[in-house]
Amino acid sequence: MTEAKALVVVVGGANVDVKARSSVRAVARTSNPGSARLSSGGVGRNIAENLARLGIATHLVSAVGNDPLGDQLVRSTAEAGVGVEHVARLDRPTGSYTAVLDADGELLVAVADMAAVDAIDESHVQAAGDLLSRADLVVLDGNLAPETMAAAARAAGDRPLVLDPVSVPKAERCRALLGGRQPWHLVTPDHLELAALTGLPTTYERQVATACARLHEQGVTWVWVREGERGSLLSGPDGATHLPAIPTRVVDVTGAGDAMLAAWCHGVLTGRSPLEAARLGHAAAALTIASDDTVRTDLTPALLEKTSGGFA
């Protein structure tokens, strides 16, 4: 499979990111000096932009408001190379994600207004049915309503599905989707999301292995458990492998998981093994964390290779 022929359809959220960062160690319940910036965001949209910048033909199925912020989102996403013909315009405000970061770039608190994402329904999925049915991968953002994710999975038919559970509450909603006839190729939880997806404890390594086995029994081929600074665990048909995180300077953690997933998809679609693709994912995460940008505009396959090379 070549990059020119690979097609990914991402069904998920698009919103504006408002990121405020304290210039000193933040103190709760009072004003802190710092800076703020506005940029394009959304889990689904970020994954799609990363994929497009890595040379994969990518389309986004999403919804934004019929307002200036929606105009900005659609324009910036299209300029990055993503197909946006299935991004609906709605008579409601464009979604927003407001994040407050500490001086070291770590997230302190975030507030997500996802009403526009919640409005993505089966009609939007059906409109993109032709793309979904011939995609090499279909990526689902856990922020979607369960009914919408189920509709996207049905529309994809036998195409491989990738699920980002996003958070513990959203993972609980995704739980009912697994175990059906759809070919779930990859699911990417952290430990808490893994517990929510399976109903099993994940405090210890043995419990994590048992929870991964449960997902494999439900038809998930690859379970990629994100472990933050410890790296990740990739569990598949031949067992599990732990991958260390790539050391990097933390500037802003926003978007690292989205880049990680996009790089994995890029890797497998360009002939890499899932394990090799996971190493590319770690490289993408390290590059994103070291940048002020939610999606690096200089992201290329060559940059991924260079960054991952010393940690293979």
Protein backbone atom coordinates (compact mmCIF):
# COMPACT_ATOMS: atom_id res chain seq x y z
CA MET A 1 0.00 0.00 0.00
CA THR A 2 1.39 3.40 -0.93
CA GLU A 3 0.72 6.80 0.55
CA ALA A 4 -0.96 7.95 -2.65
CA LYS A 5 -3.54 5.15 -2.44
CA ALA A 6 -4.14 5.10 1.31
CA LEU A 7 -7.39 6.72 2.42
CA VAL A 8 -8.40 7.53 5.98
CA VAL A 9 -11.77 8.90 7.07
CA VAL A 10 -11.89 10.49 10.51
CA VAL A 11 -15.29 10.93 12.13
CA GLY A 12 -15.05 13.27 15.09
CA GLY A 13 -14.90 16.67 16.65
CA ALA A 14 -13.62 19.97 15.34
CA ASN A 15 -13.41 22.95 17.66
CA VAL A 16 -11.29 25.94 18.55
CA ASP A 17 -8.66 25.53 21.25
CA VAL A 18 -8.14 28.30 23.75
CA LYS A 19 -4.90 27.60 25.61
CA ALA A 20 -3.93 29.74 28.60
CA ARG A 21 -0.51 29.10 30.14
CA SER A 22 0.72 30.46 33.46
CA SER A 23 4.19 31.96 33.29
CA VAL A 24 4.86 30.94 36.92
CA ARG A 25 3.79 27.93 38.97
CA ALA A 26 0.00 28.35 39.02
CA VAL A 27 -1.82 29.12 42.25
CA ALA A 28 -5.40 27.87 42.49
CA ARG A 29 -8.38 30.18 43.05
CA THR A 30 -6.59 33.37 42.05
CA SER A 31 -5.32 35.22 38.98
CA ASN A 32 -2.02 34.09 37.50
CA PRO A 33 0.18 35.93 34.97
CA GLY A 34 0.59 34.22 31.65
CA SER A 35 -0.40 34.14 27.99
CA ALA A 36 -3.25 32.80 25.86
CA ARG A 37 -3.67 31.75 22.25
CA LEU A 38 -6.47 30.58 19.96
CA SER A 39 -5.97 27.75 17.45
CA SER A 40 -7.80 25.04 15.53
CA GLY A 41 -8.42 21.86 17.50
CA GLY A 42 -10.68 18.93 18.22
CA VAL A 43 -9.56 15.31 18.60
CA GLY A 44 -10.89 14.15 15.24
CA ARG A 45 -9.75 17.27 13.43
CA ASN A 46 -6.27 17.11 14.97
CA ILE A 47 -5.84 13.47 13.95
CA ALA A 48 -6.98 14.32 10.43
CA GLU A 49 -4.56 17.25 10.10
CA ASN A 50 -1.63 15.21 11.37
CA LEU A 51 -2.44 12.47 8.86
CA ALA A 52 -2.69 14.94 5.99
CA ARG A 53 0.64 16.51 6.91
CA LEU A 54 2.14 13.01 6.83
CA GLY A 55 0.96 12.54 3.25
CA ILE A 56 -2.13 10.39 3.80
CA ALA A 57 -5.31 11.22 1.85
CA THR A 58 -7.65 12.15 4.71
CA HIS A 59 -11.26 13.28 4.98
CA LEU A 60 -13.00 14.63 8.06
CA VAL A 61 -16.65 14.04 8.95
CA SER A 62 -17.55 16.64 11.55
CA ALA A 63 -19.68 19.69 12.34
CA VAL A 64 -18.96 23.30 13.27
CA GLY A 65 -21.06 26.37 13.79
CA ASN A 66 -22.13 28.70 11.01
CA ASP A 67 -20.03 31.46 12.53
CA PRO A 68 -16.60 33.11 12.07
CA LEU A 69 -14.88 30.52 14.26
CA GLY A 70 -16.40 27.79 12.10
CA ASP A 71 -15.11 29.58 9.01
CA GLN A 72 -11.62 29.64 10.52
CA LEU A 73 -11.72 25.96 11.43
CA VAL A 74 -12.84 24.80 8.01
CA ARG A 75 -10.35 27.05 6.23
CA SER A 76 -7.31 26.05 8.32
CA THR A 77 -8.18 22.36 8.12
CA ALA A 78 -8.56 22.48 4.34
CA GLU A 79 -5.30 24.42 4.00
CA ALA A 80 -3.56 21.58 5.84
CA GLY A 81 -4.72 19.17 3.12
CA VAL A 82 -7.77 17.56 4.77
CA GLY A 83 -10.94 16.95 2.77
CA VAL A 84 -13.66 19.02 4.48
CA GLU A 85 -16.64 18.49 2.19
CA HIS A 86 -18.34 16.50 4.96
CA VAL A 87 -17.85 19.09 7.70
CA ALA A 88 -21.41 20.29 8.30
CA ARG A 89 -22.27 23.89 9.20
CA LEU A 90 -24.83 24.18 12.00
CA ASP A 91 -26.94 26.97 13.44
CA ARG A 92 -25.18 26.80 16.79
CA PRO A 93 -21.85 28.02 18.16
CA THR A 94 -18.66 26.29 17.08
CA GLY A 95 -17.31 24.01 19.80
CA SER A 96 -14.47 25.09 22.03
CA TYR A 97 -11.84 23.48 24.26
CA THR A 98 -10.34 25.78 26.88
CA ALA A 99 -7.20 24.47 28.56
CA VAL A 100 -5.24 26.00 31.43
CA LEU A 101 -1.60 24.90 31.49
CA ASP A 102 0.92 25.22 34.28
CA ALA A 103 4.32 26.84 33.73
CA ASP A 104 5.80 23.44 32.80
CA GLY A 105 3.18 22.87 30.08
CA GLU A 106 1.20 20.25 31.99
CA LEU A 107 -2.58 20.47 31.90
CA LEU A 108 -4.21 21.84 35.06
CA VAL A 109 -7.84 21.92 33.99
CA ALA A 110 -9.86 22.01 30.78
CA VAL A 111 -13.44 22.86 29.86
CA ALA A 112 -14.95 21.43 26.67
CA ASP A 113 -18.04 22.88 25.00
CA MET A 114 -18.90 20.12 22.52
CA ALA A 115 -22.50 20.86 21.62
CA ALA A 116 -21.62 20.97 17.92
CA VAL A 117 -19.87 17.60 18.15
CA ASP A 118 -22.90 16.14 19.93
CA ALA A 119 -24.98 17.26 16.94
CA ILE A 120 -23.05 15.03 14.51
CA ASP A 121 -25.61 12.33 13.79
CA GLU A 122 -26.36 9.44 11.48
CA SER A 123 -27.35 11.75 8.63
CA HIS A 124 -23.84 13.22 8.52
CA VAL A 125 -22.36 9.73 8.54
CA GLN A 126 -24.66 8.54 5.76
CA ALA A 127 -23.66 11.50 3.61
CA ALA A 128 -20.07 10.26 3.78
CA GLY A 129 -21.05 6.61 3.30
CA ASP A 130 -19.15 6.13 0.04
CA LEU A 131 -15.90 7.37 1.58
CA LEU A 132 -16.37 5.26 4.71
CA SER A 133 -17.04 2.09 2.75
CA ARG A 134 -13.76 2.33 0.81
CA ALA A 135 -11.43 3.79 3.43
CA ASP A 136 -8.28 1.90 4.39
CA LEU A 137 -8.89 3.00 7.98
CA VAL A 138 -11.85 4.66 9.68
CA VAL A 139 -10.92 6.59 12.84
CA LEU A 140 -13.64 7.32 15.41
CA ASP A 141 -13.35 10.05 18.04
CA GLY A 142 -14.85 8.97 21.37
CA ASN A 143 -16.45 12.40 21.77
CA LEU A 144 -19.14 11.30 19.30
CA ALA A 145 -22.54 10.17 20.51
CA PRO A 146 -22.66 6.36 20.77
CA GLU A 147 -25.40 6.22 18.13
CA THR A 148 -23.22 8.17 15.71
CA MET A 149 -20.21 5.91 16.30
CA ALA A 150 -22.38 2.87 15.76
CA ALA A 151 -23.72 4.35 12.51
CA ALA A 152 -20.17 5.09 11.32
CA ALA A 153 -19.09 1.53 12.13
CA ARG A 154 -22.02 0.15 10.14
CA ALA A 155 -21.33 2.46 7.21
CA ALA A 156 -17.69 1.36 7.18
CA GLY A 157 -18.77 -2.25 6.64
CA ASP A 158 -15.69 -4.45 6.71
CA ARG A 159 -13.20 -1.57 6.78
CA PRO A 160 -10.77 -1.55 9.76
CA LEU A 161 -11.90 0.67 12.62
CA VAL A 162 -9.74 2.69 15.00
CA LEU A 163 -11.16 4.07 18.25
CA ASP A 164 -9.74 6.79 20.49
CA PRO A 165 -11.82 6.56 23.72
CA VAL A 166 -10.75 10.13 24.70
CA SER A 167 -11.74 10.03 28.40
CA VAL A 168 -13.15 7.75 31.09
CA PRO A 169 -16.78 8.92 30.71
CA LYS A 170 -16.56 8.63 26.92
CA ALA A 171 -14.89 5.21 27.19
CA GLU A 172 -17.84 4.01 29.27
CA ARG A 173 -20.13 5.09 26.43
CA CYS A 174 -17.93 3.28 23.87
CA ARG A 175 -18.06 -0.01 25.76
CA ALA A 176 -21.25 -1.21 24.09
CA LEU A 177 -19.71 -0.76 20.62
CA LEU A 178 -17.13 -3.50 21.12
CA GLY A 179 -17.80 -7.19 20.71
CA GLY A 180 -19.94 -6.88 17.60
CA ARG A 181 -19.21 -7.85 14.01
CA GLN A 182 -17.17 -4.77 13.14
CA PRO A 183 -13.40 -5.26 12.68
CA TRP A 184 -11.92 -3.10 15.45
CA HIS A 185 -8.31 -2.81 14.35
CA LEU A 186 -6.96 -0.55 17.10
CA VAL A 187 -8.21 0.92 20.39
CA THR A 188 -6.03 3.45 22.24
CA PRO A 189 -6.98 3.82 25.93
CA ASP A 190 -4.95 4.86 28.94
CA HIS A 191 -5.21 2.70 32.07
CA LEU A 192 -8.38 4.35 33.38
CA GLU A 193 -10.07 4.26 29.97
CA LEU A 194 -9.09 0.61 29.61
CA ALA A 195 -10.85 -0.12 32.89
CA ALA A 196 -13.93 1.77 31.69
CA LEU A 197 -13.97 -0.13 28.38
CA THR A 198 -13.74 -3.55 30.01
CA GLY A 199 -15.20 -3.17 33.49
CA LEU A 200 -11.99 -4.69 34.85
CA PRO A 201 -9.37 -3.23 37.23
CA THR A 202 -6.15 -1.99 35.65
CA THR A 203 -4.01 -0.99 38.63
CA TYR A 204 -1.31 -3.65 38.16
CA GLU A 205 0.48 -4.98 35.08
CA ARG A 206 -1.24 -8.36 35.32
CA GLN A 207 -4.63 -6.63 35.44
CA VAL A 208 -3.74 -4.53 32.40
CA ALA A 209 -2.84 -7.72 30.52
CA THR A 210 -6.16 -9.30 31.51
CA ALA A 211 -8.10 -6.22 30.39
CA CYS A 212 -6.27 -6.19 27.05
CA ALA A 213 -7.10 -9.89 26.63
CA ARG A 214 -10.77 -9.07 27.21
CA LEU A 215 -10.70 -6.56 24.35
CA HIS A 216 -8.94 -9.07 22.10
CA GLU A 217 -11.72 -11.56 22.91
CA GLN A 218 -14.19 -8.90 21.75
CA GLY A 219 -12.51 -8.67 18.37
CA VAL A 220 -10.00 -5.83 18.91
CA THR A 221 -6.78 -6.74 17.10
CA TRP A 222 -4.47 -4.16 18.69
CA VAL A 223 -4.80 -2.46 22.07
CA TRP A 224 -2.36 0.41 22.54
CA VAL A 225 -2.34 1.45 26.19
CA ARG A 226 -0.95 4.94 26.75
CA GLU A 227 1.12 5.28 29.91
CA GLY A 228 2.24 8.91 29.82
CA GLU A 229 5.88 9.43 30.77
CA ARG A 230 6.33 5.64 31.03
CA GLY A 231 5.59 5.22 27.34
CA SER A 232 2.99 2.73 26.12
CA LEU A 233 2.04 -0.93 25.90
CA LEU A 234 1.11 -2.39 22.52
CA SER A 235 -0.86 -5.64 22.88
CA GLY A 236 -1.67 -7.75 19.85
CA PRO A 237 -1.95 -11.27 18.44
CA ASP A 238 1.62 -12.18 19.38
CA GLY A 239 1.66 -10.72 22.88
CA ALA A 240 2.45 -7.34 24.41
CA THR A 241 5.46 -5.03 24.06
CA HIS A 242 6.32 -2.04 26.22
CA LEU A 243 7.70 1.00 24.40
CA PRO A 244 9.49 3.76 26.33
CA ALA A 245 8.57 7.38 25.79
CA ILE A 246 11.06 9.49 23.85
CA PRO A 247 12.65 12.11 26.13
CA THR A 248 11.68 15.63 25.15
CA ARG A 249 11.28 19.13 26.52
CA VAL A 250 7.69 19.72 27.63
CA VAL A 251 6.28 22.91 26.13
CA ASP A 252 2.60 21.98 25.73
CA VAL A 253 1.05 18.52 26.06
CA THR A 254 -2.09 19.43 24.09
CA GLY A 255 -2.54 17.28 20.97
CA ALA A 256 0.20 14.75 21.75
CA GLY A 257 -2.19 11.79 21.82
CA ASP A 258 -3.80 12.89 18.55
CA ALA A 259 -0.41 13.06 16.84
CA MET A 260 0.55 9.69 18.32
CA LEU A 261 -2.51 7.98 16.85
CA ALA A 262 -2.14 9.69 13.47
CA ALA A 263 1.50 8.60 13.19
CA TRP A 264 0.53 5.00 13.98
CA CYS A 265 -2.05 5.05 11.19
CA HIS A 266 0.51 6.59 8.83
CA GLY A 267 2.99 3.87 9.75
CA VAL A 268 0.72 0.88 9.12
CA LEU A 269 -0.62 2.42 5.91
CA THR A 270 2.90 2.81 4.55
CA GLY A 271 3.96 -0.76 5.22
CA ARG A 272 5.29 -0.64 8.79
CA SER A 273 4.52 -3.28 11.37
CA PRO A 274 2.19 -2.13 14.16
CA LEU A 275 5.16 -2.07 16.56
CA GLU A 276 7.23 0.05 14.19
CA ALA A 277 4.21 2.31 13.71
CA ALA A 278 3.91 2.69 17.49
CA ARG A 279 7.52 3.90 17.62
CA LEU A 280 6.60 6.51 15.02
CA GLY A 281 3.67 7.41 17.26
CA HIS A 282 6.02 8.07 20.17
CA ALA A 283 8.13 10.28 17.91
CA ALA A 284 5.06 12.29 16.89
CA ALA A 285 4.03 12.72 20.53
CA ALA A 286 7.52 13.90 21.52
CA LEU A 287 7.60 16.39 18.65
CA THR A 288 4.17 17.75 19.55
CA ILE A 289 4.93 18.09 23.27
CA ALA A 290 8.04 20.10 22.41
CA SER A 291 5.99 22.60 20.36
CA ASP A 292 3.52 25.38 21.13
CA ASP A 293 1.34 24.08 18.29
CA THR A 294 -1.41 21.52 18.81
CA VAL A 295 -0.48 20.15 15.37
CA ARG A 296 3.04 20.85 14.15
CA THR A 297 3.00 22.55 10.78
CA ASP A 298 6.47 21.16 10.02
CA LEU A 299 5.44 17.53 10.60
CA THR A 300 6.70 15.22 7.84
CA PRO A 301 7.49 11.51 7.50
CA ALA A 302 11.19 12.42 7.39
CA LEU A 303 10.96 14.30 10.69
CA LEU A 304 9.20 11.33 12.27
CA GLU A 305 11.90 8.96 11.06
CA LYS A 306 14.66 11.20 12.35
CA THR A 307 13.03 11.56 15.77
CA SER A 308 12.23 7.86 16.18
CA GLY A 309 15.56 6.57 14.81
CA GLY A 310 17.51 6.63 18.05
CA PHE A 311 14.78 4.89 20.01
CA ALA A 312 13.93 1.91 17.81
